[in-house]
Amino acid sequence: MTTTTDKPFPAAEPLTDDPFRYGWRLVPRPTPDNPRHMEQVPLTLEDVLHPEVGDFIVHSDRHETDRMYLTAVLRARLETSGIAIVLSDVRIAWDIPDLRAHGPDVMVIPGIRERQNWSTFEVAVEGARPALIIEITSPETRDNDLEIKVEHYARAGVTQYVIVDDMSRSGTRRLRLLDYRLMDGRYVMHPLDAEGRAHLIIADLWLGIEGDHVVCYDEQGVAFGDYATVVQQAAEERARARAAEEQARREAAARAQAEEQARREAAAREAEARARAEVEARLRALEEELRRLRGTE
């Protein structure tokens, strides 16, 4: 059984009496009538901190919209250029024996060029770790992101940890940004810029808040569009990249064909020149032989 040095788990004040407020997992509980019976078991706050594959964790619609938006922006920014991969809602198993797995909302991992169909990204196996993690808090599980993960992600060596914190207990979202940077093995809060934005170092983007949602800005301060726009832009960028690759492939094939044709023509000219030289040599030999014969008559 794995031991852990995690801090004692804080008791979160329940917002509802619903036992499934955090989510659930299916656990095998055979019955006499059904040996394959699966029972729906409520998750605890600790389960949300250290999820298992297959857990269903409850999130709000706005939480999911922000998560998908950030994932799409960062993928468009980083994956097409091969800088890093961006994973969302994928479990990560650390290479620290007493640090259990987490399930970040968004993580950016340099050193990996292509995404695979991971359900768990294993740091020890892949030889890479996130340079950036973004968590979007939910009122029910906020303590996990604001307290425990600050310690855990620092121990895991994550260079930057940004929290999109929903400070409301219910109703309209009230968001703020927290930007932690790793220094000497621990996180130090980094101040936001004059616009209240956090600089996402690896992506060279600025993350800000507009009303009840997050927005990313480029170097010129131009905002990236909503999720649908970003997805469309990313698809268009991939289409342009594929078209450019296809055009380059066709041009390379045409060049190779032209070079092959030139090589064949050069070889034909060389063979023709050798044949002509051989004929001329034979003619000279015949002429010499005729002169010799005439001289002996």
C-alpha atoms as a PDB file:
ATOM      1  CA  MET A   1       0.000   0.000   0.000  1.00  0.00           C
ATOM      2  CA  THR A   2       1.421   3.404  -1.000  1.00  0.00           C
ATOM      3  CA  THR A   3       2.272   5.769   1.824  1.00  0.00           C
ATOM      4  CA  THR A   4       2.020   9.516   1.487  1.00  0.00           C
ATOM      5  CA  THR A   5       3.327  12.590   3.235  1.00  0.00           C
ATOM      6  CA  ASP A   6       0.279  14.653   2.241  1.00  0.00           C
ATOM      7  CA  LYS A   7      -0.917  17.141   4.839  1.00  0.00           C
ATOM      8  CA  PRO A   8      -4.010  16.199   6.853  1.00  0.00           C
ATOM      9  CA  PHE A   9      -7.000  16.722   4.653  1.00  0.00           C
ATOM     10  CA  PRO A  10      -9.047  19.852   5.466  1.00  0.00           C
ATOM     11  CA  ALA A  11     -12.705  19.444   6.263  1.00  0.00           C
ATOM     12  CA  ALA A  12     -14.636  21.314   3.591  1.00  0.00           C
ATOM     13  CA  GLU A  13     -17.943  22.839   4.540  1.00  0.00           C
ATOM     14  CA  PRO A  14     -20.586  21.008   2.472  1.00  0.00           C
ATOM     15  CA  LEU A  15     -22.624  23.241   0.189  1.00  0.00           C
ATOM     16  CA  THR A  16     -25.320  20.618  -0.151  1.00  0.00           C
ATOM     17  CA  ASP A  17     -26.434  17.381   1.449  1.00  0.00           C
ATOM     18  CA  ASP A  18     -26.080  15.599  -1.899  1.00  0.00           C
ATOM     19  CA  PRO A  19     -23.565  12.764  -1.311  1.00  0.00           C
ATOM     20  CA  PHE A  20     -22.615  12.900  -5.004  1.00  0.00           C
ATOM     21  CA  ARG A  21     -21.820  16.634  -4.997  1.00  0.00           C
ATOM     22  CA  TYR A  22     -18.147  15.937  -5.846  1.00  0.00           C
ATOM     23  CA  GLY A  23     -18.856  13.142  -8.310  1.00  0.00           C
ATOM     24  CA  TRP A  24     -18.763   9.360  -8.294  1.00  0.00           C
ATOM     25  CA  ARG A  25     -16.964   6.216  -9.359  1.00  0.00           C
ATOM     26  CA  LEU A  26     -18.248   2.751 -10.233  1.00  0.00           C
ATOM     27  CA  VAL A  27     -17.017   0.014  -7.898  1.00  0.00           C
ATOM     28  CA  PRO A  28     -17.505  -3.737  -8.486  1.00  0.00           C
ATOM     29  CA  ARG A  29     -20.040  -5.022  -5.961  1.00  0.00           C
ATOM     30  CA  PRO A  30     -21.200  -8.489  -7.090  1.00  0.00           C
ATOM     31  CA  THR A  31     -24.637  -9.612  -6.055  1.00  0.00           C
ATOM     32  CA  PRO A  32     -26.135 -13.101  -6.121  1.00  0.00           C
ATOM     33  CA  ASP A  33     -28.181 -12.092  -9.151  1.00  0.00           C
ATOM     34  CA  ASN A  34     -25.451 -10.149 -10.957  1.00  0.00           C
ATOM     35  CA  PRO A  35     -21.781 -11.054 -10.404  1.00  0.00           C
ATOM     36  CA  ARG A  36     -20.798  -8.053 -12.577  1.00  0.00           C
ATOM     37  CA  HIS A  37     -22.849  -5.521 -10.642  1.00  0.00           C
ATOM     38  CA  MET A  38     -21.215  -2.052 -10.387  1.00  0.00           C
ATOM     39  CA  GLU A  39     -22.222   0.270  -7.580  1.00  0.00           C
ATOM     40  CA  GLN A  40     -22.124   4.057  -7.942  1.00  0.00           C
ATOM     41  CA  VAL A  41     -20.053   5.333  -5.007  1.00  0.00           C
ATOM     42  CA  PRO A  42     -19.783   9.045  -4.099  1.00  0.00           C
ATOM     43  CA  LEU A  43     -16.369  10.677  -4.318  1.00  0.00           C
ATOM     44  CA  THR A  44     -14.777  12.369  -1.358  1.00  0.00           C
ATOM     45  CA  LEU A  45     -12.828  15.622  -1.504  1.00  0.00           C
ATOM     46  CA  GLU A  46      -9.639  13.577  -1.301  1.00  0.00           C
ATOM     47  CA  ASP A  47     -10.808  11.448  -4.240  1.00  0.00           C
ATOM     48  CA  VAL A  48     -11.143  14.639  -6.282  1.00  0.00           C
ATOM     49  CA  LEU A  49      -7.584  15.625  -5.301  1.00  0.00           C
ATOM     50  CA  HIS A  50      -6.204  12.205  -6.257  1.00  0.00           C
ATOM     51  CA  PRO A  51      -8.629  10.810  -8.875  1.00  0.00           C
ATOM     52  CA  GLU A  52      -8.666   7.347 -10.349  1.00  0.00           C
ATOM     53  CA  VAL A  53      -9.183   6.564 -14.022  1.00  0.00           C
ATOM     54  CA  GLY A  54     -12.904   6.508 -14.725  1.00  0.00           C
ATOM     55  CA  ASP A  55     -13.956   8.855 -11.916  1.00  0.00           C
ATOM     56  CA  PHE A  56     -16.712  11.310 -12.841  1.00  0.00           C
ATOM     57  CA  ILE A  57     -16.010  14.669 -11.195  1.00  0.00           C
ATOM     58  CA  VAL A  58     -18.807  17.228 -11.229  1.00  0.00           C
ATOM     59  CA  HIS A  59     -18.018  20.602 -12.849  1.00  0.00           C
ATOM     60  CA  SER A  60     -20.182  23.553 -13.802  1.00  0.00           C
ATOM     61  CA  ASP A  61     -20.848  24.561 -17.399  1.00  0.00           C
ATOM     62  CA  ARG A  62     -18.752  27.740 -17.042  1.00  0.00           C
ATOM     63  CA  HIS A  63     -15.884  25.724 -15.588  1.00  0.00           C
ATOM     64  CA  GLU A  64     -15.952  23.405 -18.589  1.00  0.00           C
ATOM     65  CA  THR A  65     -16.237  26.279 -21.067  1.00  0.00           C
ATOM     66  CA  ASP A  66     -13.156  27.960 -19.582  1.00  0.00           C
ATOM     67  CA  ARG A  67     -11.251  24.670 -19.518  1.00  0.00           C
ATOM     68  CA  MET A  68     -12.007  23.930 -23.178  1.00  0.00           C
ATOM     69  CA  TYR A  69     -11.166  27.512 -24.187  1.00  0.00           C
ATOM     70  CA  LEU A  70      -7.773  27.450 -22.439  1.00  0.00           C
ATOM     71  CA  THR A  71      -6.999  24.028 -23.883  1.00  0.00           C
ATOM     72  CA  ALA A  72      -7.853  25.141 -27.425  1.00  0.00           C
ATOM     73  CA  VAL A  73      -5.838  28.381 -27.176  1.00  0.00           C
ATOM     74  CA  LEU A  74      -2.764  26.675 -25.758  1.00  0.00           C
ATOM     75  CA  ARG A  75      -2.910  23.824 -28.264  1.00  0.00           C
ATOM     76  CA  ALA A  76      -3.158  26.266 -31.160  1.00  0.00           C
ATOM     77  CA  ARG A  77      -0.266  28.245 -29.713  1.00  0.00           C
ATOM     78  CA  LEU A  78       2.096  25.411 -28.793  1.00  0.00           C
ATOM     79  CA  GLU A  79       1.306  22.134 -30.534  1.00  0.00           C
ATOM     80  CA  THR A  80       1.468  23.289 -34.159  1.00  0.00           C
ATOM     81  CA  SER A  81       5.013  24.550 -33.538  1.00  0.00           C
ATOM     82  CA  GLY A  82       6.028  21.438 -31.603  1.00  0.00           C
ATOM     83  CA  ILE A  83       6.921  23.368 -28.434  1.00  0.00           C
ATOM     84  CA  ALA A  84       4.745  21.320 -26.082  1.00  0.00           C
ATOM     85  CA  ILE A  85       1.606  19.230 -25.801  1.00  0.00           C
ATOM     86  CA  VAL A  86      -1.475  20.368 -23.913  1.00  0.00           C
ATOM     87  CA  LEU A  87      -3.535  17.874 -21.917  1.00  0.00           C
ATOM     88  CA  SER A  88      -6.899  18.501 -20.314  1.00  0.00           C
ATOM     89  CA  ASP A  89      -8.584  16.416 -17.632  1.00  0.00           C
ATOM     90  CA  VAL A  90      -5.877  13.760 -17.956  1.00  0.00           C
ATOM     91  CA  ARG A  91      -4.550  12.114 -14.821  1.00  0.00           C
ATOM     92  CA  ILE A  92      -0.833  12.594 -14.112  1.00  0.00           C
ATOM     93  CA  ALA A  93       1.279  10.143 -12.106  1.00  0.00           C
ATOM     94  CA  TRP A  94       4.408  11.761 -10.690  1.00  0.00           C
ATOM     95  CA  ASP A  95       7.892  10.296 -10.351  1.00  0.00           C
ATOM     96  CA  ILE A  96       7.916  11.071  -6.614  1.00  0.00           C
ATOM     97  CA  PRO A  97       7.111   7.900  -4.640  1.00  0.00           C
ATOM     98  CA  ASP A  98       5.037   9.526  -1.881  1.00  0.00           C
ATOM     99  CA  LEU A  99       3.149  11.983  -4.120  1.00  0.00           C
ATOM    100  CA  ARG A 100      -0.075  10.526  -5.457  1.00  0.00           C
ATOM    101  CA  ALA A 101      -1.552  11.243  -8.882  1.00  0.00           C
ATOM    102  CA  HIS A 102      -3.574  14.377  -9.702  1.00  0.00           C
ATOM    103  CA  GLY A 103      -6.032  15.329 -12.433  1.00  0.00           C
ATOM    104  CA  PRO A 104      -5.282  18.943 -13.484  1.00  0.00           C
ATOM    105  CA  ASP A 105      -7.749  20.931 -15.557  1.00  0.00           C
ATOM    106  CA  VAL A 106      -5.029  21.944 -18.050  1.00  0.00           C
ATOM    107  CA  MET A 107      -1.343  21.088 -18.196  1.00  0.00           C
ATOM    108  CA  VAL A 108       1.353  22.037 -20.704  1.00  0.00           C
ATOM    109  CA  ILE A 109       4.195  19.543 -21.109  1.00  0.00           C
ATOM    110  CA  PRO A 110       7.309  20.430 -23.157  1.00  0.00           C
ATOM    111  CA  GLY A 111       9.561  17.738 -24.568  1.00  0.00           C
ATOM    112  CA  ILE A 112       6.671  15.695 -26.018  1.00  0.00           C
ATOM    113  CA  ARG A 113       5.877  16.440 -29.664  1.00  0.00           C
ATOM    114  CA  GLU A 114       2.654  14.480 -30.141  1.00  0.00           C
ATOM    115  CA  ARG A 115      -0.311  13.775 -27.931  1.00  0.00           C
ATOM    116  CA  GLN A 116      -1.213  10.150 -27.333  1.00  0.00           C
ATOM    117  CA  ASN A 117      -4.413   8.651 -26.024  1.00  0.00           C
ATOM    118  CA  TRP A 118      -3.330   8.881 -22.394  1.00  0.00           C
ATOM    119  CA  SER A 119      -5.752   8.319 -19.558  1.00  0.00           C
ATOM    120  CA  THR A 120      -2.773   8.737 -17.204  1.00  0.00           C
ATOM    121  CA  PHE A 121       0.403  10.601 -18.156  1.00  0.00           C
ATOM    122  CA  GLU A 122       3.271   8.914 -16.311  1.00  0.00           C
ATOM    123  CA  VAL A 123       6.168  11.309 -15.738  1.00  0.00           C
ATOM    124  CA  ALA A 124       8.695   8.546 -15.089  1.00  0.00           C
ATOM    125  CA  VAL A 125       7.759   6.705 -18.284  1.00  0.00           C
ATOM    126  CA  GLU A 126       7.560   9.733 -20.584  1.00  0.00           C
ATOM    127  CA  GLY A 127      10.594  11.540 -19.149  1.00  0.00           C
ATOM    128  CA  ALA A 128       8.810  14.897 -19.114  1.00  0.00           C
ATOM    129  CA  ARG A 129       6.792  16.964 -16.647  1.00  0.00           C
ATOM    130  CA  PRO A 130       4.439  19.943 -16.949  1.00  0.00           C
ATOM    131  CA  ALA A 131       5.958  23.411 -17.191  1.00  0.00           C
ATOM    132  CA  LEU A 132       2.511  24.946 -16.604  1.00  0.00           C
ATOM    133  CA  ILE A 133      -0.620  23.764 -14.816  1.00  0.00           C
ATOM    134  CA  ILE A 134      -3.877  25.735 -14.750  1.00  0.00           C
ATOM    135  CA  GLU A 135      -6.622  24.863 -12.294  1.00  0.00           C
ATOM    136  CA  ILE A 136     -10.127  26.364 -12.364  1.00  0.00           C
ATOM    137  CA  THR A 137     -11.632  26.235  -8.905  1.00  0.00           C
ATOM    138  CA  SER A 138     -15.133  25.119  -8.072  1.00  0.00           C
ATOM    139  CA  PRO A 139     -16.786  26.238  -4.811  1.00  0.00           C
ATOM    140  CA  GLU A 140     -17.109  22.647  -3.597  1.00  0.00           C
ATOM    141  CA  THR A 141     -13.444  21.686  -4.098  1.00  0.00           C
ATOM    142  CA  ARG A 142     -11.687  25.057  -3.869  1.00  0.00           C
ATOM    143  CA  ASP A 143      -9.443  24.110  -0.927  1.00  0.00           C
ATOM    144  CA  ASN A 144      -7.744  21.448  -3.032  1.00  0.00           C
ATOM    145  CA  ASP A 145      -6.546  23.984  -5.611  1.00  0.00           C
ATOM    146  CA  LEU A 146      -5.773  26.900  -3.286  1.00  0.00           C
ATOM    147  CA  GLU A 147      -3.922  25.031  -0.561  1.00  0.00           C
ATOM    148  CA  ILE A 148      -2.941  21.429  -1.115  1.00  0.00           C
ATOM    149  CA  LYS A 149      -1.976  21.589  -4.795  1.00  0.00           C
ATOM    150  CA  VAL A 150       0.223  24.621  -4.173  1.00  0.00           C
ATOM    151  CA  GLU A 151       2.438  22.356  -2.095  1.00  0.00           C
ATOM    152  CA  HIS A 152       2.047  19.270  -4.272  1.00  0.00           C
ATOM    153  CA  TYR A 153       2.780  20.906  -7.639  1.00  0.00           C
ATOM    154  CA  ALA A 154       5.828  22.658  -6.178  1.00  0.00           C
ATOM    155  CA  ARG A 155       7.131  19.291  -4.963  1.00  0.00           C
ATOM    156  CA  ALA A 156       6.451  17.858  -8.427  1.00  0.00           C
ATOM    157  CA  GLY A 157       8.638  20.563 -10.001  1.00  0.00           C
ATOM    158  CA  VAL A 158       5.951  22.367 -12.034  1.00  0.00           C
ATOM    159  CA  THR A 159       7.513  25.695 -13.035  1.00  0.00           C
ATOM    160  CA  GLN A 160       4.290  27.744 -13.086  1.00  0.00           C
ATOM    161  CA  TYR A 161       0.943  27.091 -11.446  1.00  0.00           C
ATOM    162  CA  VAL A 162      -1.929  29.442 -12.307  1.00  0.00           C
ATOM    163  CA  ILE A 163      -5.275  29.308 -10.527  1.00  0.00           C
ATOM    164  CA  VAL A 164      -8.497  30.707 -11.952  1.00  0.00           C
ATOM    165  CA  ASP A 165     -10.279  31.084  -8.646  1.00  0.00           C
ATOM    166  CA  ASP A 166     -14.048  31.385  -8.377  1.00  0.00           C
ATOM    167  CA  MET A 167     -14.532  33.187  -5.051  1.00  0.00           C
ATOM    168  CA  SER A 168     -18.330  32.956  -5.076  1.00  0.00           C
ATOM    169  CA  ARG A 169     -20.127  30.389  -2.976  1.00  0.00           C
ATOM    170  CA  SER A 170     -23.091  30.293  -5.333  1.00  0.00           C
ATOM    171  CA  GLY A 171     -24.711  32.312  -8.081  1.00  0.00           C
ATOM    172  CA  THR A 172     -22.663  34.690 -10.266  1.00  0.00           C
ATOM    173  CA  ARG A 173     -18.994  33.799 -10.624  1.00  0.00           C
ATOM    174  CA  ARG A 174     -16.394  36.147  -9.128  1.00  0.00           C
ATOM    175  CA  LEU A 175     -13.034  35.272 -10.610  1.00  0.00           C
ATOM    176  CA  ARG A 176      -9.483  36.185  -9.701  1.00  0.00           C
ATOM    177  CA  LEU A 177      -6.093  34.955 -10.915  1.00  0.00           C
ATOM    178  CA  LEU A 178      -3.260  33.590  -8.789  1.00  0.00           C
ATOM    179  CA  ASP A 179       0.130  33.107 -10.436  1.00  0.00           C
ATOM    180  CA  TYR A 180       2.668  30.919  -8.646  1.00  0.00           C
ATOM    181  CA  ARG A 181       6.276  30.614  -9.869  1.00  0.00           C
ATOM    182  CA  LEU A 182       8.703  27.941  -8.660  1.00  0.00           C
ATOM    183  CA  MET A 183      11.733  29.341  -6.822  1.00  0.00           C
ATOM    184  CA  ASP A 184      14.171  27.170  -4.856  1.00  0.00           C
ATOM    185  CA  GLY A 185      11.694  24.307  -4.711  1.00  0.00           C
ATOM    186  CA  ARG A 186       8.722  26.317  -3.439  1.00  0.00           C
ATOM    187  CA  TYR A 187       6.083  28.550  -4.972  1.00  0.00           C
ATOM    188  CA  VAL A 188       6.239  32.319  -4.740  1.00  0.00           C
ATOM    189  CA  MET A 189       3.210  34.412  -5.697  1.00  0.00           C
ATOM    190  CA  HIS A 190       4.025  36.464  -8.800  1.00  0.00           C
ATOM    191  CA  PRO A 191       2.269  39.820  -9.205  1.00  0.00           C
ATOM    192  CA  LEU A 192      -0.148  40.271 -12.090  1.00  0.00           C
ATOM    193  CA  ASP A 193       0.587  42.960 -14.684  1.00  0.00           C
ATOM    194  CA  ALA A 194      -1.023  46.404 -14.773  1.00  0.00           C
ATOM    195  CA  GLU A 195      -4.064  44.921 -16.555  1.00  0.00           C
ATOM    196  CA  GLY A 196      -4.513  42.231 -13.916  1.00  0.00           C
ATOM    197  CA  ARG A 197      -3.233  39.511 -16.217  1.00  0.00           C
ATOM    198  CA  ALA A 198      -0.930  36.551 -15.629  1.00  0.00           C
ATOM    199  CA  HIS A 199       1.858  35.867 -18.101  1.00  0.00           C
ATOM    200  CA  LEU A 200       1.832  32.213 -19.206  1.00  0.00           C
ATOM    201  CA  ILE A 201       5.556  31.915 -19.702  1.00  0.00           C
ATOM    202  CA  ILE A 202       5.882  28.833 -21.915  1.00  0.00           C
ATOM    203  CA  ALA A 203       3.159  30.050 -24.300  1.00  0.00           C
ATOM    204  CA  ASP A 204       4.118  33.755 -24.135  1.00  0.00           C
ATOM    205  CA  LEU A 205       0.445  34.599 -23.639  1.00  0.00           C
ATOM    206  CA  TRP A 206      -1.368  36.717 -21.078  1.00  0.00           C
ATOM    207  CA  LEU A 207      -4.341  35.314 -19.190  1.00  0.00           C
ATOM    208  CA  GLY A 208      -6.977  37.746 -17.988  1.00  0.00           C
ATOM    209  CA  ILE A 209     -10.555  37.862 -16.756  1.00  0.00           C
ATOM    210  CA  GLU A 210     -13.489  39.449 -18.562  1.00  0.00           C
ATOM    211  CA  GLY A 211     -16.689  39.329 -16.531  1.00  0.00           C
ATOM    212  CA  ASP A 212     -17.279  35.722 -15.537  1.00  0.00           C
ATOM    213  CA  HIS A 213     -14.830  34.044 -17.912  1.00  0.00           C
ATOM    214  CA  VAL A 214     -11.143  33.943 -18.847  1.00  0.00           C
ATOM    215  CA  VAL A 215      -9.543  35.460 -21.944  1.00  0.00           C
ATOM    216  CA  CYS A 216      -6.077  34.958 -23.456  1.00  0.00           C
ATOM    217  CA  TYR A 217      -4.162  37.772 -25.143  1.00  0.00           C
ATOM    218  CA  ASP A 218      -1.192  37.699 -27.514  1.00  0.00           C
ATOM    219  CA  GLU A 219       1.941  39.877 -27.426  1.00  0.00           C
ATOM    220  CA  GLN A 220       0.061  42.833 -28.945  1.00  0.00           C
ATOM    221  CA  GLY A 221      -2.768  42.549 -26.430  1.00  0.00           C
ATOM    222  CA  VAL A 222      -5.174  41.089 -28.983  1.00  0.00           C
ATOM    223  CA  ALA A 223      -7.690  38.726 -27.392  1.00  0.00           C
ATOM    224  CA  PHE A 224      -8.232  35.214 -28.638  1.00  0.00           C
ATOM    225  CA  GLY A 225     -11.887  34.513 -29.421  1.00  0.00           C
ATOM    226  CA  ASP A 226     -14.297  32.238 -27.655  1.00  0.00           C
ATOM    227  CA  TYR A 227     -13.968  28.458 -27.631  1.00  0.00           C
ATOM    228  CA  ALA A 228     -15.732  27.917 -30.962  1.00  0.00           C
ATOM    229  CA  THR A 229     -13.626  30.621 -32.638  1.00  0.00           C
ATOM    230  CA  VAL A 230     -10.393  29.248 -31.247  1.00  0.00           C
ATOM    231  CA  VAL A 231     -11.289  25.730 -32.350  1.00  0.00           C
ATOM    232  CA  GLN A 232     -12.093  27.030 -35.826  1.00  0.00           C
ATOM    233  CA  GLN A 233      -8.844  29.012 -35.934  1.00  0.00           C
ATOM    234  CA  ALA A 234      -6.888  25.976 -34.817  1.00  0.00           C
ATOM    235  CA  ALA A 235      -8.592  23.832 -37.475  1.00  0.00           C
ATOM    236  CA  GLU A 236      -7.811  26.448 -40.125  1.00  0.00           C
ATOM    237  CA  GLU A 237      -4.202  26.587 -38.939  1.00  0.00           C
ATOM    238  CA  ARG A 238      -3.924  22.801 -39.145  1.00  0.00           C
ATOM    239  CA  ALA A 239      -5.496  22.885 -42.622  1.00  0.00           C
ATOM    240  CA  ARG A 240      -3.004  25.539 -43.729  1.00  0.00           C
ATOM    241  CA  ALA A 241      -0.157  23.504 -42.273  1.00  0.00           C
ATOM    242  CA  ARG A 242      -1.368  20.364 -44.062  1.00  0.00           C
ATOM    243  CA  ALA A 243      -1.750  22.312 -47.332  1.00  0.00           C
ATOM    244  CA  ALA A 244       1.763  23.737 -46.940  1.00  0.00           C
ATOM    245  CA  GLU A 245       3.145  20.265 -46.214  1.00  0.00           C
ATOM    246  CA  GLU A 246       1.330  18.844 -49.252  1.00  0.00           C
ATOM    247  CA  GLN A 247       2.600  21.679 -51.444  1.00  0.00           C
ATOM    248  CA  ALA A 248       6.132  21.120 -50.153  1.00  0.00           C
ATOM    249  CA  ARG A 249       5.760  17.379 -50.804  1.00  0.00           C
ATOM    250  CA  ARG A 250       4.573  17.996 -54.357  1.00  0.00           C
ATOM    251  CA  GLU A 251       7.393  20.459 -55.010  1.00  0.00           C
ATOM    252  CA  ALA A 252       9.936  18.033 -53.556  1.00  0.00           C
ATOM    253  CA  ALA A 253       8.533  15.235 -55.734  1.00  0.00           C
ATOM    254  CA  ALA A 254       8.657  17.496 -58.784  1.00  0.00           C
ATOM    255  CA  ARG A 255      12.251  18.447 -57.990  1.00  0.00           C
ATOM    256  CA  ALA A 256      13.169  14.809 -57.478  1.00  0.00           C
ATOM    257  CA  GLN A 257      11.496  13.894 -60.782  1.00  0.00           C
ATOM    258  CA  ALA A 258      13.283  16.724 -62.576  1.00  0.00           C
ATOM    259  CA  GLU A 259      16.603  15.716 -61.014  1.00  0.00           C
ATOM    260  CA  GLU A 260      16.010  12.097 -61.994  1.00  0.00           C
ATOM    261  CA  GLN A 261      15.140  13.154 -65.544  1.00  0.00           C
ATOM    262  CA  ALA A 262      18.268  15.327 -65.695  1.00  0.00           C
ATOM    263  CA  ARG A 263      20.338  12.422 -64.369  1.00  0.00           C
ATOM    264  CA  ARG A 264      18.916  10.094 -67.004  1.00  0.00           C
ATOM    265  CA  GLU A 265      19.519  12.620 -69.757  1.00  0.00           C
ATOM    266  CA  ALA A 266      23.083  13.169 -68.545  1.00  0.00           C
ATOM    267  CA  ALA A 267      23.634   9.420 -68.415  1.00  0.00           C
ATOM    268  CA  ALA A 268      22.201   9.055 -71.941  1.00  0.00           C
ATOM    269  CA  ARG A 269      24.485  11.826 -73.224  1.00  0.00           C
ATOM    270  CA  GLU A 270      27.444  10.212 -71.516  1.00  0.00           C
ATOM    271  CA  ALA A 271      26.572   6.807 -73.007  1.00  0.00           C
ATOM    272  CA  GLU A 272      26.100   8.420 -76.419  1.00  0.00           C
ATOM    273  CA  ALA A 273      29.483  10.150 -76.118  1.00  0.00           C
ATOM    274  CA  ARG A 274      31.159   6.872 -75.119  1.00  0.00           C
ATOM    275  CA  ALA A 275      29.540   5.071 -78.039  1.00  0.00           C
ATOM    276  CA  ARG A 276      30.609   7.848 -80.436  1.00  0.00           C
ATOM    277  CA  ALA A 277      34.145   7.711 -79.060  1.00  0.00           C
ATOM    278  CA  GLU A 278      34.236   3.935 -79.477  1.00  0.00           C
ATOM    279  CA  VAL A 279      32.997   4.218 -83.099  1.00  0.00           C
ATOM    280  CA  GLU A 280      35.551   6.930 -83.851  1.00  0.00           C
ATOM    281  CA  ALA A 281      38.279   4.818 -82.274  1.00  0.00           C
ATOM    282  CA  ARG A 282      37.293   1.808 -84.397  1.00  0.00           C
ATOM    283  CA  LEU A 283      37.219   3.982 -87.534  1.00  0.00           C
ATOM    284  CA  ARG A 284      40.695   5.301 -86.765  1.00  0.00           C
ATOM    285  CA  ALA A 285      41.899   1.746 -86.225  1.00  0.00           C
ATOM    286  CA  LEU A 286      40.407   0.659 -89.556  1.00  0.00           C
ATOM    287  CA  GLU A 287      41.965   3.614 -91.340  1.00  0.00           C
ATOM    288  CA  GLU A 288      45.307   2.804 -89.790  1.00  0.00           C
ATOM    289  CA  GLU A 289      44.970  -0.836 -90.840  1.00  0.00           C
ATOM    290  CA  LEU A 290      44.077   0.237 -94.428  1.00  0.00           C
ATOM    291  CA  ARG A 291      47.102   2.495 -94.588  1.00  0.00           C
ATOM    292  CA  ARG A 292      49.285  -0.304 -93.324  1.00  0.00           C
ATOM    293  CA  LEU A 293      47.901  -2.743 -95.917  1.00  0.00           C
ATOM    294  CA  ARG A 294      48.361  -0.266 -98.713  1.00  0.00           C
ATOM    295  CA  GLY A 295      51.944   0.281 -97.650  1.00  0.00           C
ATOM    296  CA  THR A 296      52.735  -3.426 -97.975  1.00  0.00           C
ATOM    297  CA  GLU A 297      51.378  -3.827-101.507  1.00  0.00           C
END
